[in-house]
C-alpha atoms as a PDB file:
ATOM      1  CA  MET A   1      90.988  -5.821 -18.024  1.00  0.00           C
ATOM      2  CA  LEU A   2      91.890  -2.380 -19.766  1.00  0.00           C
ATOM      3  CA  LEU A   3      90.557  -2.068 -23.314  1.00  0.00           C
ATOM      4  CA  PRO A   4      92.573  -0.097 -26.024  1.00  0.00           C
ATOM      5  CA  ALA A   5      91.068   3.412 -27.442  1.00  0.00           C
ATOM      6  CA  THR A   6      90.477   1.217 -30.744  1.00  0.00           C
ATOM      7  CA  GLU A   7      90.662  -1.904 -32.299  1.00  0.00           C
ATOM      8  CA  ALA A   8      89.648  -1.138 -35.643  1.00  0.00           C
ATOM      9  CA  VAL A   9      92.616  -0.152 -38.503  1.00  0.00           C
ATOM     10  CA  ASP A  10      91.736   1.514 -41.610  1.00  0.00           C
ATOM     11  CA  VAL A  11      94.100   0.011 -44.218  1.00  0.00           C
ATOM     12  CA  GLY A  12      92.850   2.587 -46.820  1.00  0.00           C
ATOM     13  CA  LYS A  13      94.678   5.404 -45.164  1.00  0.00           C
ATOM     14  CA  GLY A  14      98.387   4.473 -45.288  1.00  0.00           C
ATOM     15  CA  ASN A  15     101.054   3.843 -42.927  1.00  0.00           C
ATOM     16  CA  VAL A  16     100.269   6.830 -41.043  1.00  0.00           C
ATOM     17  CA  HIS A  17      97.270   5.156 -39.504  1.00  0.00           C
ATOM     18  CA  MET A  18      98.947   2.008 -39.014  1.00  0.00           C
ATOM     19  CA  ASP A  19     101.576   3.812 -37.246  1.00  0.00           C
ATOM     20  CA  ASN A  20      99.265   5.173 -34.803  1.00  0.00           C
ATOM     21  CA  THR A  21      97.841   1.740 -34.471  1.00  0.00           C
ATOM     22  CA  VAL A  22     101.005   0.120 -33.662  1.00  0.00           C
ATOM     23  CA  ALA A  23     101.796   3.029 -31.027  1.00  0.00           C
ATOM     24  CA  ALA A  24      98.644   2.613 -29.427  1.00  0.00           C
ATOM     25  CA  ARG A  25      99.104  -0.993 -28.953  1.00  0.00           C
ATOM     26  CA  ARG A  26     102.486  -0.332 -27.269  1.00  0.00           C
ATOM     27  CA  ARG A  27     100.881   2.121 -24.964  1.00  0.00           C
ATOM     28  CA  HIS A  28      98.172  -0.598 -24.011  1.00  0.00           C
ATOM     29  CA  ARG A  29     100.895  -3.210 -23.239  1.00  0.00           C
ATOM     30  CA  ALA A  30     102.623  -0.754 -20.960  1.00  0.00           C
ATOM     31  CA  ALA A  31      99.473   0.032 -19.120  1.00  0.00           C
ATOM     32  CA  LEU A  32      98.764  -3.585 -18.609  1.00  0.00           C
ATOM     33  CA  LEU A  33     102.192  -4.181 -17.124  1.00  0.00           C
ATOM     34  CA  LEU A  34     101.465  -1.377 -14.574  1.00  0.00           C
ATOM     35  CA  VAL A  35      97.852  -2.977 -13.731  1.00  0.00           C
ATOM     36  CA  VAL A  36      99.059  -6.561 -13.252  1.00  0.00           C
ATOM     37  CA  PRO A  37     101.381  -5.817 -10.218  1.00  0.00           C
ATOM     38  CA  VAL A  38      98.569  -4.022  -8.511  1.00  0.00           C
ATOM     39  CA  LEU A  39      96.020  -6.878  -9.093  1.00  0.00           C
ATOM     40  CA  LEU A  40      98.513  -9.337  -7.719  1.00  0.00           C
ATOM     41  CA  ALA A  41      99.132  -7.332  -4.677  1.00  0.00           C
ATOM     42  CA  GLY A  42      95.297  -7.254  -3.880  1.00  0.00           C
ATOM     43  CA  PHE A  43      95.370 -11.355  -4.214  1.00  0.00           C
ATOM     44  CA  LEU A  44      98.583 -11.512  -2.009  1.00  0.00           C
ATOM     45  CA  HIS A  45      97.249  -9.142   0.648  1.00  0.00           C
ATOM     46  CA  PRO A  46      93.530  -9.132   0.512  1.00  0.00           C
ATOM     47  CA  GLY A  47      93.230  -6.592   3.263  1.00  0.00           C
ATOM     48  CA  ALA A  48      95.685  -3.970   1.698  1.00  0.00           C
ATOM     49  CA  GLY A  49      93.765  -0.705   1.074  1.00  0.00           C
ATOM     50  CA  ALA A  50      90.582  -2.164   2.235  1.00  0.00           C
ATOM     51  CA  ALA A  51      88.901  -0.130   5.135  1.00  0.00           C
ATOM     52  CA  ALA A  52      88.708  -2.153   8.421  1.00  0.00           C
ATOM     53  CA  PRO A  53      85.717  -3.637   9.336  1.00  0.00           C
ATOM     54  CA  ALA A  54      83.498  -1.756  11.602  1.00  0.00           C
ATOM     55  CA  LYS A  55      83.028  -3.398  15.313  1.00  0.00           C
ATOM     56  CA  ALA A  56      80.202  -5.336  16.306  1.00  0.00           C
ATOM     57  CA  ALA A  57      77.742  -3.394  18.498  1.00  0.00           C
ATOM     58  CA  SER A  58      77.588  -4.646  22.053  1.00  0.00           C
ATOM     59  CA  ALA A  59      74.975  -6.926  23.108  1.00  0.00           C
ATOM     60  CA  PRO A  60      72.066  -4.826  25.073  1.00  0.00           C
ATOM     61  CA  ALA A  61      72.280  -5.075  28.622  1.00  0.00           C
ATOM     62  CA  ALA A  62      69.842  -7.709  30.262  1.00  0.00           C
ATOM     63  CA  SER A  63      66.392  -6.102  31.399  1.00  0.00           C
ATOM     64  CA  GLY A  64      64.557  -6.535  34.500  1.00  0.00           C
ATOM     65  CA  PRO A  65      65.824  -6.949  38.129  1.00  0.00           C
ATOM     66  CA  ARG A  66      68.315  -9.407  38.992  1.00  0.00           C
ATOM     67  CA  CYS A  67      66.978 -12.343  41.240  1.00  0.00           C
ATOM     68  CA  THR A  68      69.123 -12.764  44.595  1.00  0.00           C
ATOM     69  CA  THR A  69      68.244 -14.901  47.531  1.00  0.00           C
ATOM     70  CA  ALA A  70      67.298 -13.264  50.783  1.00  0.00           C
ATOM     71  CA  ASP A  71      69.826 -13.520  53.780  1.00  0.00           C
ATOM     72  CA  ARG A  72      66.865 -13.553  55.915  1.00  0.00           C
ATOM     73  CA  PRO A  73      63.036 -13.264  55.605  1.00  0.00           C
ATOM     74  CA  PHE A  74      61.435  -9.845  54.705  1.00  0.00           C
ATOM     75  CA  THR A  75      57.972  -8.184  54.459  1.00  0.00           C
ATOM     76  CA  PRO A  76      56.763  -8.112  50.912  1.00  0.00           C
ATOM     77  CA  THR A  77      56.032  -4.547  49.710  1.00  0.00           C
ATOM     78  CA  SER A  78      56.075  -4.798  45.836  1.00  0.00           C
ATOM     79  CA  LEU A  79      55.610  -7.616  43.191  1.00  0.00           C
ATOM     80  CA  ARG A  80      56.020  -7.953  39.484  1.00  0.00           C
ATOM     81  CA  ILE A  81      55.603 -10.732  36.985  1.00  0.00           C
ATOM     82  CA  ASP A  82      57.571 -10.534  33.897  1.00  0.00           C
ATOM     83  CA  GLY A  83      55.305 -10.185  31.054  1.00  0.00           C
ATOM     84  CA  VAL A  84      52.126  -9.669  33.113  1.00  0.00           C
ATOM     85  CA  VAL A  85      52.500  -6.708  35.414  1.00  0.00           C
ATOM     86  CA  GLY A  86      54.865  -4.337  36.475  1.00  0.00           C
ATOM     87  CA  PRO A  87      55.752  -3.229  40.191  1.00  0.00           C
ATOM     88  CA  THR A  88      52.705  -3.801  42.140  1.00  0.00           C
ATOM     89  CA  ARG A  89      51.937  -2.696  45.661  1.00  0.00           C
ATOM     90  CA  VAL A  90      51.550  -5.399  48.359  1.00  0.00           C
ATOM     91  CA  LEU A  91      49.690  -4.760  51.346  1.00  0.00           C
ATOM     92  CA  ALA A  92      50.145  -6.302  54.872  1.00  0.00           C
ATOM     93  CA  LEU A  93      46.720  -7.371  55.826  1.00  0.00           C
ATOM     94  CA  GLY A  94      45.040  -9.249  58.675  1.00  0.00           C
ATOM     95  CA  ARG A  95      42.064 -11.774  58.306  1.00  0.00           C
ATOM     96  CA  ASP A  96      38.345 -11.611  58.944  1.00  0.00           C
ATOM     97  CA  ARG A  97      36.486 -13.078  61.739  1.00  0.00           C
ATOM     98  CA  ASN A  98      36.226 -16.361  59.693  1.00  0.00           C
ATOM     99  CA  GLY A  99      40.143 -16.477  59.480  1.00  0.00           C
ATOM    100  CA  VAL A 100      40.051 -15.929  55.912  1.00  0.00           C
ATOM    101  CA  PRO A 101      43.170 -13.611  54.691  1.00  0.00           C
ATOM    102  CA  ARG A 102      41.790 -10.252  53.801  1.00  0.00           C
ATOM    103  CA  THR A 103      41.966  -8.853  50.128  1.00  0.00           C
ATOM    104  CA  PRO A 104      42.945  -5.333  49.585  1.00  0.00           C
ATOM    105  CA  PRO A 105      40.383  -2.348  49.423  1.00  0.00           C
ATOM    106  CA  LEU A 106      37.508  -1.819  46.926  1.00  0.00           C
ATOM    107  CA  THR A 107      38.870   0.975  45.427  1.00  0.00           C
ATOM    108  CA  ASP A 108      40.296   2.087  42.111  1.00  0.00           C
ATOM    109  CA  ARG A 109      43.811   1.576  43.535  1.00  0.00           C
ATOM    110  CA  GLY A 110      42.938  -1.120  45.706  1.00  0.00           C
ATOM    111  CA  LYS A 111      41.833  -3.458  42.720  1.00  0.00           C
ATOM    112  CA  TRP A 112      45.371  -3.459  41.208  1.00  0.00           C
ATOM    113  CA  GLN A 113      46.956  -4.514  44.544  1.00  0.00           C
ATOM    114  CA  LEU A 114      47.819  -7.548  46.432  1.00  0.00           C
ATOM    115  CA  GLY A 115      47.028  -8.620  50.022  1.00  0.00           C
ATOM    116  CA  TRP A 116      49.660 -10.377  52.125  1.00  0.00           C
ATOM    117  CA  ASP A 117      48.509 -12.732  54.929  1.00  0.00           C
ATOM    118  CA  ARG A 118      50.548 -11.250  57.974  1.00  0.00           C
ATOM    119  CA  ILE A 119      49.283 -13.205  60.358  1.00  0.00           C
ATOM    120  CA  SER A 120      50.588 -16.387  58.897  1.00  0.00           C
ATOM    121  CA  ARG A 121      54.220 -14.709  59.539  1.00  0.00           C
ATOM    122  CA  ILE A 122      55.436 -16.536  56.719  1.00  0.00           C
ATOM    123  CA  ARG A 123      57.474 -14.307  54.497  1.00  0.00           C
ATOM    124  CA  PRO A 124      59.720 -14.504  51.299  1.00  0.00           C
ATOM    125  CA  GLY A 125      62.841 -15.937  52.800  1.00  0.00           C
ATOM    126  CA  SER A 126      61.310 -18.039  55.144  1.00  0.00           C
ATOM    127  CA  GLU A 127      62.527 -21.920  55.701  1.00  0.00           C
ATOM    128  CA  ARG A 128      59.059 -23.392  55.226  1.00  0.00           C
ATOM    129  CA  GLY A 129      55.575 -22.739  54.438  1.00  0.00           C
ATOM    130  CA  VAL A 130      53.400 -20.535  51.789  1.00  0.00           C
ATOM    131  CA  VAL A 131      53.605 -16.834  51.342  1.00  0.00           C
ATOM    132  CA  ARG A 132      49.869 -16.198  51.058  1.00  0.00           C
ATOM    133  CA  LEU A 133      48.788 -13.539  48.751  1.00  0.00           C
ATOM    134  CA  THR A 134      45.486 -12.324  47.491  1.00  0.00           C
ATOM    135  CA  ALA A 135      44.115 -10.096  44.642  1.00  0.00           C
ATOM    136  CA  HIS A 136      40.240  -9.003  43.490  1.00  0.00           C
ATOM    137  CA  THR A 137      38.685 -10.318  40.297  1.00  0.00           C
ATOM    138  CA  TYR A 138      35.841  -7.738  39.134  1.00  0.00           C
ATOM    139  CA  PRO A 139      32.725  -8.658  36.823  1.00  0.00           C
ATOM    140  CA  TRP A 140      34.217  -9.866  33.196  1.00  0.00           C
ATOM    141  CA  SER A 141      31.634  -7.422  31.756  1.00  0.00           C
ATOM    142  CA  GLY A 142      33.943  -4.408  32.785  1.00  0.00           C
ATOM    143  CA  ALA A 143      31.156  -2.672  34.016  1.00  0.00           C
ATOM    144  CA  TYR A 144      33.179  -1.669  37.035  1.00  0.00           C
ATOM    145  CA  GLY A 145      36.556  -1.907  35.237  1.00  0.00           C
ATOM    146  CA  LEU A 146      38.828  -5.210  35.476  1.00  0.00           C
ATOM    147  CA  ALA A 147      41.071  -5.890  38.339  1.00  0.00           C
ATOM    148  CA  LEU A 148      44.464  -7.551  38.740  1.00  0.00           C
ATOM    149  CA  GLY A 149      42.595 -10.848  39.282  1.00  0.00           C
ATOM    150  CA  ASN A 150      41.336 -10.616  35.786  1.00  0.00           C
ATOM    151  CA  ARG A 151      45.076 -10.064  34.496  1.00  0.00           C
ATOM    152  CA  LEU A 152      46.443 -12.958  36.227  1.00  0.00           C
ATOM    153  CA  LEU A 153      43.406 -15.189  34.970  1.00  0.00           C
ATOM    154  CA  THR A 154      43.913 -14.311  31.213  1.00  0.00           C
ATOM    155  CA  SER A 155      47.855 -13.913  31.360  1.00  0.00           C
ATOM    156  CA  LEU A 156      49.522 -15.792  34.155  1.00  0.00           C
ATOM    157  CA  ARG A 157      50.891 -19.305  33.134  1.00  0.00           C
ATOM    158  CA  ASN A 158      53.329 -21.869  34.210  1.00  0.00           C
ATOM    159  CA  GLY A 159      56.888 -21.078  33.889  1.00  0.00           C
ATOM    160  CA  ALA A 160      56.445 -17.307  34.798  1.00  0.00           C
ATOM    161  CA  ARG A 161      58.918 -15.320  36.878  1.00  0.00           C
ATOM    162  CA  ILE A 162      57.664 -13.651  39.917  1.00  0.00           C
ATOM    163  CA  THR A 163      59.744 -11.073  41.677  1.00  0.00           C
ATOM    164  CA  VAL A 164      59.003  -9.833  45.234  1.00  0.00           C
ATOM    165  CA  GLU A 165      60.802  -6.992  46.745  1.00  0.00           C
ATOM    166  CA  GLY A 166      61.218  -5.670  50.274  1.00  0.00           C
ATOM    167  CA  PRO A 167      61.012  -2.086  52.139  1.00  0.00           C
ATOM    168  CA  ALA A 168      65.009  -2.232  52.239  1.00  0.00           C
ATOM    169  CA  GLY A 169      65.613  -3.223  48.701  1.00  0.00           C
ATOM    170  CA  GLN A 170      65.585  -6.955  49.421  1.00  0.00           C
ATOM    171  CA  ARG A 171      64.465  -9.164  46.227  1.00  0.00           C
ATOM    172  CA  MET A 172      63.567 -12.596  45.764  1.00  0.00           C
ATOM    173  CA  CYS A 173      62.424 -14.520  42.733  1.00  0.00           C
ATOM    174  CA  TYR A 174      59.852 -17.348  42.041  1.00  0.00           C
ATOM    175  CA  ARG A 175      58.850 -19.513  39.447  1.00  0.00           C
ATOM    176  CA  VAL A 176      55.369 -20.677  38.695  1.00  0.00           C
ATOM    177  CA  THR A 177      55.215 -24.434  38.879  1.00  0.00           C
ATOM    178  CA  LYS A 178      51.255 -25.156  39.333  1.00  0.00           C
ATOM    179  CA  ILE A 179      48.041 -23.572  39.031  1.00  0.00           C
ATOM    180  CA  THR A 180      44.836 -25.193  40.479  1.00  0.00           C
ATOM    181  CA  ARG A 181      41.342 -24.175  40.623  1.00  0.00           C
ATOM    182  CA  VAL A 182      38.975 -25.556  43.541  1.00  0.00           C
ATOM    183  CA  PRO A 183      35.336 -24.934  44.363  1.00  0.00           C
ATOM    184  CA  ALA A 184      34.626 -21.900  46.687  1.00  0.00           C
ATOM    185  CA  GLY A 185      33.414 -24.211  49.470  1.00  0.00           C
ATOM    186  CA  GLN A 186      36.328 -26.279  49.538  1.00  0.00           C
ATOM    187  CA  ILE A 187      39.253 -25.300  51.805  1.00  0.00           C
ATOM    188  CA  ALA A 188      42.554 -25.292  49.679  1.00  0.00           C
ATOM    189  CA  GLN A 189      44.771 -27.103  52.097  1.00  0.00           C
ATOM    190  CA  ALA A 190      48.177 -26.671  49.979  1.00  0.00           C
ATOM    191  CA  TYR A 191      47.364 -22.655  49.851  1.00  0.00           C
ATOM    192  CA  TYR A 192      47.402 -22.635  53.858  1.00  0.00           C
ATOM    193  CA  THR A 193      49.981 -24.875  54.862  1.00  0.00           C
ATOM    194  CA  SER A 194      52.697 -23.390  56.943  1.00  0.00           C
ATOM    195  CA  THR A 195      55.016 -26.628  56.287  1.00  0.00           C
ATOM    196  CA  GLY A 196      56.790 -28.022  53.563  1.00  0.00           C
ATOM    197  CA  ARG A 197      59.207 -26.360  51.356  1.00  0.00           C
ATOM    198  CA  PRO A 198      58.980 -22.548  50.819  1.00  0.00           C
ATOM    199  CA  ARG A 199      56.448 -21.411  48.323  1.00  0.00           C
ATOM    200  CA  LEU A 200      54.322 -18.530  47.123  1.00  0.00           C
ATOM    201  CA  ALA A 201      51.184 -18.678  46.218  1.00  0.00           C
ATOM    202  CA  ILE A 202      48.731 -16.250  44.763  1.00  0.00           C
ATOM    203  CA  LEU A 203      44.688 -16.860  45.184  1.00  0.00           C
ATOM    204  CA  VAL A 204      41.882 -14.996  43.060  1.00  0.00           C
ATOM    205  CA  CYS A 205      37.979 -15.592  42.717  1.00  0.00           C
ATOM    206  CA  SER A 206      37.443 -17.404  39.397  1.00  0.00           C
ATOM    207  CA  GLY A 207      34.719 -19.313  37.695  1.00  0.00           C
ATOM    208  CA  VAL A 208      31.081 -18.159  37.457  1.00  0.00           C
ATOM    209  CA  ARG A 209      29.959 -14.833  39.365  1.00  0.00           C
ATOM    210  CA  ARG A 210      26.796 -15.393  41.146  1.00  0.00           C
ATOM    211  CA  GLY A 211      26.772 -12.184  43.021  1.00  0.00           C
ATOM    212  CA  PRO A 212      28.616  -9.264  44.413  1.00  0.00           C
ATOM    213  CA  GLY A 213      31.813 -10.893  45.817  1.00  0.00           C
ATOM    214  CA  ASP A 214      30.402 -14.539  45.208  1.00  0.00           C
ATOM    215  CA  TRP A 215      32.375 -16.623  42.851  1.00  0.00           C
ATOM    216  CA  SER A 216      32.229 -20.212  42.431  1.00  0.00           C
ATOM    217  CA  HIS A 217      35.698 -21.058  42.397  1.00  0.00           C
ATOM    218  CA  ARG A 218      39.235 -19.873  43.161  1.00  0.00           C
ATOM    219  CA  THR A 219      42.400 -20.034  41.219  1.00  0.00           C
ATOM    220  CA  ILE A 220      45.752 -20.576  42.595  1.00  0.00           C
ATOM    221  CA  TRP A 221      49.038 -20.039  41.188  1.00  0.00           C
ATOM    222  CA  PHE A 222      51.771 -21.671  43.257  1.00  0.00           C
ATOM    223  CA  ALA A 223      55.406 -20.491  42.678  1.00  0.00           C
ATOM    224  CA  GLU A 224      58.872 -21.944  44.051  1.00  0.00           C
ATOM    225  CA  PRO A 225      61.830 -19.897  44.595  1.00  0.00           C
ATOM    226  CA  ILE A 226      64.269 -19.799  41.679  1.00  0.00           C
END
């Protein structure tokens, strides 16, 4: 609401001051008549004269590789686990004289790689059996630096998504559904099975380190296709 220039009247100054006051009041009423229609227009058309609201920012694009189902089995060459490890090389390896799948080389690079049991011929996209992977665990003291197995033991949990890729860009995703720990001297039948529904499994040494390459247990993560 607009206010007049003054609301006080000095009666001791005579009619000149009274006339001035009356004139001021008339000017005030005229100003009000001009303001009221503008206010009414604002109520009747709230958007009139207002700047158009800014458009909301578009949602960010989804991150991470898209999961697809392989048309046919493929040789795994790279693996990543959301929130655990980025793209990690997978080596196609054989077995030792006891028939045990080999692990990656004991090098600075090899300790952060995975070995795939190529002798099994079970690959991502196979209709049955377990895709068998292995990785190194290093002493927890850190004297030789830690390895991929150490990272998995501390960070890989049920529900994690594993993405496996092939040499021609093939991609298949799995979800971790089971974690098991078995004594080193016990054969993990579920890990070595070549039948049943298709799965992927990662095996690493765990438990107590009794000497170089000698650990009391094996921890295995089983994952199923998404």
